[in-house]
Amino acid sequence: MSELLEVTQFLAAREPWSLLNHGQIESFARLAVGQYVRRGDVILSAGQAPLAMFVVRSGAVEIVDANGVLIDHDEQGDCFGQSSILEERPSRFTFTAIEDSLVW
């Protein structure tokens, strides 16, 4: 299976991507760049402006606020960074891999 097909199928099986037509999903899939992160690696820090949205392909990510309070965990298929991009502001949260993970 090609990487493009694998990314397209993965996204198509999850909202909000599943609400789009195949061509739109494939357009997003073409933009996906994989990044492997080790457990403990910070992917996005509070105060940092993300350059891209992230989708968790595998693994898990912990979300904490600027005071270190646990907010949530993101797992396979979850997205983060998009609200900061849409609102044109730095992230209010820090996203740290709590397992070895692949994010797009």
N, C-alpha and C. Protein backbone atom coordinates (compact mmCIF):
# COMPACT_ATOMS: atom_id res chain seq x y z
N MET A 1 0.85 -1.17 0.00
CA MET A 1 0.00 0.00 0.00
C MET A 1 0.89 1.24 0.00
N SER A 2 0.55 2.20 -0.84
CA SER A 2 1.34 3.43 -0.89
C SER A 2 1.08 4.26 0.36
N GLU A 3 2.04 5.11 0.68
CA GLU A 3 1.89 5.96 1.86
C GLU A 3 0.70 6.89 1.70
N LEU A 4 0.51 7.45 0.50
CA LEU A 4 -0.62 8.34 0.25
C LEU A 4 -1.94 7.62 0.49
N LEU A 5 -2.05 6.39 -0.01
CA LEU A 5 -3.27 5.62 0.18
C LEU A 5 -3.50 5.32 1.65
N GLU A 6 -2.44 4.97 2.37
CA GLU A 6 -2.57 4.65 3.80
C GLU A 6 -3.03 5.87 4.59
N VAL A 7 -2.46 7.03 4.32
CA VAL A 7 -2.85 8.26 5.01
C VAL A 7 -4.29 8.61 4.66
N THR A 8 -4.64 8.52 3.39
CA THR A 8 -6.01 8.84 2.94
C THR A 8 -7.02 7.94 3.63
N GLN A 9 -6.75 6.64 3.67
CA GLN A 9 -7.68 5.71 4.31
C GLN A 9 -7.79 5.96 5.81
N PHE A 10 -6.67 6.25 6.45
CA PHE A 10 -6.67 6.54 7.88
C PHE A 10 -7.55 7.76 8.17
N LEU A 11 -7.34 8.84 7.43
CA LEU A 11 -8.13 10.05 7.65
C LEU A 11 -9.60 9.84 7.32
N ALA A 12 -9.88 9.14 6.24
CA ALA A 12 -11.26 8.93 5.80
C ALA A 12 -12.10 8.17 6.82
N ALA A 13 -11.44 7.42 7.69
CA ALA A 13 -12.15 6.61 8.69
C ALA A 13 -12.45 7.40 9.97
N ARG A 14 -12.08 8.70 10.01
CA ARG A 14 -12.23 9.48 11.23
C ARG A 14 -12.80 10.86 10.93
N GLU A 15 -13.64 11.34 11.87
CA GLU A 15 -14.11 12.73 11.75
C GLU A 15 -13.00 13.66 12.20
N PRO A 16 -12.85 14.82 11.67
CA PRO A 16 -13.76 15.47 10.73
C PRO A 16 -13.50 15.12 9.27
N TRP A 17 -12.41 14.38 9.04
CA TRP A 17 -12.01 14.06 7.66
C TRP A 17 -13.10 13.30 6.91
N SER A 18 -13.79 12.40 7.60
CA SER A 18 -14.81 11.58 6.94
C SER A 18 -15.98 12.41 6.42
N LEU A 19 -16.09 13.65 6.82
CA LEU A 19 -17.14 14.54 6.34
C LEU A 19 -16.79 15.16 4.99
N LEU A 20 -15.55 14.98 4.56
CA LEU A 20 -15.08 15.54 3.29
C LEU A 20 -15.21 14.51 2.18
N ASN A 21 -15.16 14.99 0.93
CA ASN A 21 -15.16 14.03 -0.19
C ASN A 21 -13.75 13.47 -0.37
N HIS A 22 -13.66 12.39 -1.13
CA HIS A 22 -12.37 11.69 -1.29
C HIS A 22 -11.26 12.61 -1.80
N GLY A 23 -11.58 13.46 -2.76
CA GLY A 23 -10.56 14.36 -3.31
C GLY A 23 -10.01 15.32 -2.28
N GLN A 24 -10.90 15.83 -1.41
CA GLN A 24 -10.46 16.74 -0.36
C GLN A 24 -9.58 16.02 0.66
N ILE A 25 -9.98 14.81 1.03
CA ILE A 25 -9.18 14.02 1.98
C ILE A 25 -7.80 13.74 1.39
N GLU A 26 -7.78 13.36 0.13
CA GLU A 26 -6.50 13.06 -0.52
C GLU A 26 -5.62 14.31 -0.59
N SER A 27 -6.21 15.48 -0.79
CA SER A 27 -5.43 16.72 -0.79
C SER A 27 -4.75 16.94 0.55
N PHE A 28 -5.47 16.71 1.64
CA PHE A 28 -4.86 16.82 2.96
C PHE A 28 -3.79 15.75 3.14
N ALA A 29 -4.06 14.54 2.70
CA ALA A 29 -3.11 13.44 2.85
C ALA A 29 -1.80 13.74 2.13
N ARG A 30 -1.87 14.41 1.01
CA ARG A 30 -0.65 14.76 0.26
C ARG A 30 0.25 15.72 1.06
N LEU A 31 -0.35 16.47 1.97
CA LEU A 31 0.41 17.42 2.78
C LEU A 31 1.02 16.79 4.03
N ALA A 32 0.62 15.57 4.34
CA ALA A 32 1.07 14.91 5.57
C ALA A 32 2.56 14.59 5.52
N VAL A 33 3.25 14.99 6.57
CA VAL A 33 4.66 14.69 6.73
C VAL A 33 4.79 13.97 8.07
N GLY A 34 5.32 12.76 8.04
CA GLY A 34 5.45 11.98 9.27
C GLY A 34 6.60 12.47 10.14
N GLN A 35 6.36 12.46 11.44
CA GLN A 35 7.39 12.83 12.41
C GLN A 35 7.33 11.82 13.54
N TYR A 36 8.40 11.07 13.74
CA TYR A 36 8.47 10.15 14.86
C TYR A 36 8.97 10.91 16.08
N VAL A 37 8.29 10.71 17.20
CA VAL A 37 8.70 11.36 18.44
C VAL A 37 8.81 10.30 19.52
N ARG A 38 9.81 10.42 20.33
CA ARG A 38 10.02 9.47 21.43
C ARG A 38 9.24 9.92 22.67
N ARG A 39 8.92 8.94 23.49
CA ARG A 39 8.25 9.24 24.75
C ARG A 39 9.06 10.31 25.50
N GLY A 40 8.37 11.33 25.94
CA GLY A 40 9.01 12.43 26.65
C GLY A 40 9.33 13.63 25.79
N ASP A 41 9.31 13.47 24.46
CA ASP A 41 9.59 14.59 23.57
C ASP A 41 8.41 15.56 23.54
N VAL A 42 8.71 16.85 23.64
CA VAL A 42 7.69 17.88 23.51
C VAL A 42 7.50 18.14 22.02
N ILE A 43 6.26 18.04 21.57
CA ILE A 43 5.93 18.26 20.16
C ILE A 43 5.60 19.73 19.92
N LEU A 44 4.86 20.32 20.85
CA LEU A 44 4.45 21.72 20.75
C LEU A 44 4.38 22.27 22.17
N SER A 45 5.03 23.40 22.40
CA SER A 45 5.06 24.00 23.75
C SER A 45 4.05 25.13 23.87
N ALA A 46 3.54 25.32 25.09
CA ALA A 46 2.69 26.47 25.37
C ALA A 46 3.49 27.73 25.04
N GLY A 47 2.85 28.67 24.34
CA GLY A 47 3.52 29.90 23.93
C GLY A 47 4.14 29.83 22.55
N GLN A 48 4.22 28.62 21.99
CA GLN A 48 4.79 28.43 20.66
C GLN A 48 3.67 28.49 19.63
N ALA A 49 3.90 29.17 18.53
CA ALA A 49 2.92 29.21 17.44
C ALA A 49 3.17 28.03 16.51
N PRO A 50 2.21 27.12 16.38
CA PRO A 50 2.42 25.96 15.50
C PRO A 50 2.46 26.37 14.04
N LEU A 51 3.30 25.70 13.29
CA LEU A 51 3.38 25.94 11.85
C LEU A 51 2.43 25.02 11.10
N ALA A 52 1.96 23.99 11.78
CA ALA A 52 1.07 23.01 11.16
C ALA A 52 0.21 22.36 12.22
N MET A 53 -0.87 21.76 11.77
CA MET A 53 -1.72 20.96 12.63
C MET A 53 -1.10 19.57 12.72
N PHE A 54 -1.30 18.88 13.82
CA PHE A 54 -0.78 17.53 14.00
C PHE A 54 -1.92 16.54 14.11
N VAL A 55 -1.71 15.36 13.54
CA VAL A 55 -2.64 14.23 13.68
C VAL A 55 -1.84 13.08 14.28
N VAL A 56 -2.35 12.50 15.36
CA VAL A 56 -1.66 11.37 15.99
C VAL A 56 -1.98 10.12 15.18
N ARG A 57 -0.96 9.54 14.56
CA ARG A 57 -1.15 8.30 13.79
C ARG A 57 -1.04 7.09 14.71
N SER A 58 -0.06 7.13 15.61
CA SER A 58 0.11 6.05 16.59
C SER A 58 0.76 6.64 17.82
N GLY A 59 0.54 5.98 18.95
CA GLY A 59 1.10 6.47 20.20
C GLY A 59 0.09 7.30 20.96
N ALA A 60 0.58 8.15 21.85
CA ALA A 60 -0.29 8.99 22.67
C ALA A 60 0.45 10.25 23.08
N VAL A 61 -0.32 11.32 23.24
CA VAL A 61 0.22 12.63 23.55
C VAL A 61 -0.53 13.19 24.76
N GLU A 62 0.23 13.71 25.72
CA GLU A 62 -0.35 14.34 26.91
C GLU A 62 -0.45 15.84 26.67
N ILE A 63 -1.57 16.41 27.13
CA ILE A 63 -1.80 17.84 26.97
C ILE A 63 -1.86 18.47 28.36
N VAL A 64 -0.97 19.44 28.61
CA VAL A 64 -0.98 20.15 29.89
C VAL A 64 -1.05 21.65 29.62
N ASP A 65 -1.64 22.38 30.58
CA ASP A 65 -1.72 23.83 30.42
C ASP A 65 -0.41 24.48 30.87
N ALA A 66 -0.37 25.80 30.81
CA ALA A 66 0.86 26.54 31.14
C ALA A 66 1.27 26.36 32.60
N ASN A 67 0.33 25.92 33.46
CA ASN A 67 0.63 25.68 34.87
C ASN A 67 0.99 24.23 35.15
N GLY A 68 1.06 23.41 34.11
CA GLY A 68 1.41 22.01 34.27
C GLY A 68 0.24 21.11 34.65
N VAL A 69 -0.97 21.64 34.56
CA VAL A 69 -2.16 20.85 34.90
C VAL A 69 -2.56 19.99 33.69
N LEU A 70 -2.74 18.69 33.95
CA LEU A 70 -3.14 17.77 32.89
C LEU A 70 -4.53 18.14 32.38
N ILE A 71 -4.64 18.31 31.07
CA ILE A 71 -5.92 18.66 30.45
C ILE A 71 -6.56 17.44 29.80
N ASP A 72 -5.75 16.66 29.06
CA ASP A 72 -6.31 15.53 28.31
C ASP A 72 -5.16 14.71 27.73
N HIS A 73 -5.54 13.62 27.08
CA HIS A 73 -4.61 12.80 26.29
C HIS A 73 -5.17 12.71 24.88
N ASP A 74 -4.30 12.83 23.89
CA ASP A 74 -4.68 12.58 22.51
C ASP A 74 -4.13 11.23 22.11
N GLU A 75 -4.93 10.48 21.38
CA GLU A 75 -4.52 9.15 20.92
C GLU A 75 -4.74 9.05 19.42
N GLN A 76 -4.58 7.88 18.89
CA GLN A 76 -4.67 7.64 17.46
C GLN A 76 -5.89 8.33 16.85
N GLY A 77 -5.63 9.15 15.84
CA GLY A 77 -6.69 9.85 15.12
C GLY A 77 -7.00 11.24 15.64
N ASP A 78 -6.54 11.57 16.84
CA ASP A 78 -6.81 12.90 17.40
C ASP A 78 -5.90 13.94 16.74
N CYS A 79 -6.38 15.19 16.71
CA CYS A 79 -5.65 16.30 16.10
C CYS A 79 -5.35 17.36 17.16
N PHE A 80 -4.28 18.10 16.95
CA PHE A 80 -4.00 19.25 17.81
C PHE A 80 -3.21 20.30 17.04
N GLY A 81 -3.28 21.54 17.55
CA GLY A 81 -2.59 22.67 16.93
C GLY A 81 -3.48 23.51 16.04
N GLN A 82 -4.61 22.94 15.60
CA GLN A 82 -5.46 23.63 14.65
C GLN A 82 -6.11 24.89 15.22
N SER A 83 -6.48 24.87 16.49
CA SER A 83 -7.15 26.06 17.05
C SER A 83 -6.19 27.25 17.10
N SER A 84 -4.94 27.01 17.41
CA SER A 84 -3.96 28.10 17.43
C SER A 84 -3.75 28.67 16.03
N ILE A 85 -3.74 27.81 15.04
CA ILE A 85 -3.56 28.27 13.66
C ILE A 85 -4.76 29.10 13.23
N LEU A 86 -5.96 28.58 13.47
CA LEU A 86 -7.17 29.29 13.06
C LEU A 86 -7.34 30.62 13.78
N GLU A 87 -6.94 30.66 15.05
CA GLU A 87 -7.08 31.88 15.84
C GLU A 87 -5.84 32.77 15.77
N GLU A 88 -4.83 32.31 15.02
CA GLU A 88 -3.58 33.06 14.83
C GLU A 88 -2.98 33.50 16.16
N ARG A 89 -2.78 32.52 17.04
CA ARG A 89 -2.19 32.79 18.35
C ARG A 89 -1.30 31.61 18.75
N PRO A 90 -0.42 31.83 19.70
CA PRO A 90 0.41 30.73 20.20
C PRO A 90 -0.44 29.69 20.93
N SER A 91 0.09 28.52 21.06
CA SER A 91 -0.60 27.45 21.77
C SER A 91 -0.73 27.79 23.26
N ARG A 92 -1.85 27.46 23.84
CA ARG A 92 -2.04 27.64 25.28
C ARG A 92 -1.59 26.40 26.04
N PHE A 93 -1.28 25.33 25.31
CA PHE A 93 -0.98 24.05 25.93
C PHE A 93 0.35 23.50 25.43
N THR A 94 0.92 22.58 26.23
CA THR A 94 2.11 21.84 25.83
C THR A 94 1.68 20.41 25.52
N PHE A 95 2.15 19.91 24.40
CA PHE A 95 1.82 18.57 23.92
C PHE A 95 3.10 17.73 23.95
N THR A 96 3.10 16.68 24.77
CA THR A 96 4.26 15.84 24.98
C THR A 96 3.91 14.39 24.69
N ALA A 97 4.75 13.71 23.93
CA ALA A 97 4.53 12.29 23.66
C ALA A 97 4.69 11.50 24.95
N ILE A 98 3.69 10.69 25.29
CA ILE A 98 3.80 9.84 26.48
C ILE A 98 4.06 8.39 26.08
N GLU A 99 4.13 8.15 24.78
CA GLU A 99 4.57 6.89 24.19
C GLU A 99 5.37 7.26 22.95
N ASP A 100 6.23 6.36 22.50
CA ASP A 100 6.83 6.57 21.20
C ASP A 100 5.68 6.72 20.22
N SER A 101 5.71 7.77 19.39
CA SER A 101 4.54 8.11 18.58
C SER A 101 4.94 8.52 17.17
N LEU A 102 3.99 8.40 16.27
CA LEU A 102 4.09 8.95 14.92
C LEU A 102 2.99 9.96 14.78
N VAL A 103 3.38 11.19 14.44
CA VAL A 103 2.40 12.24 14.17
C VAL A 103 2.60 12.73 12.74
N TRP A 104 1.48 13.11 12.14
CA TRP A 104 1.55 13.73 10.80
C TRP A 104 1.29 15.20 10.96
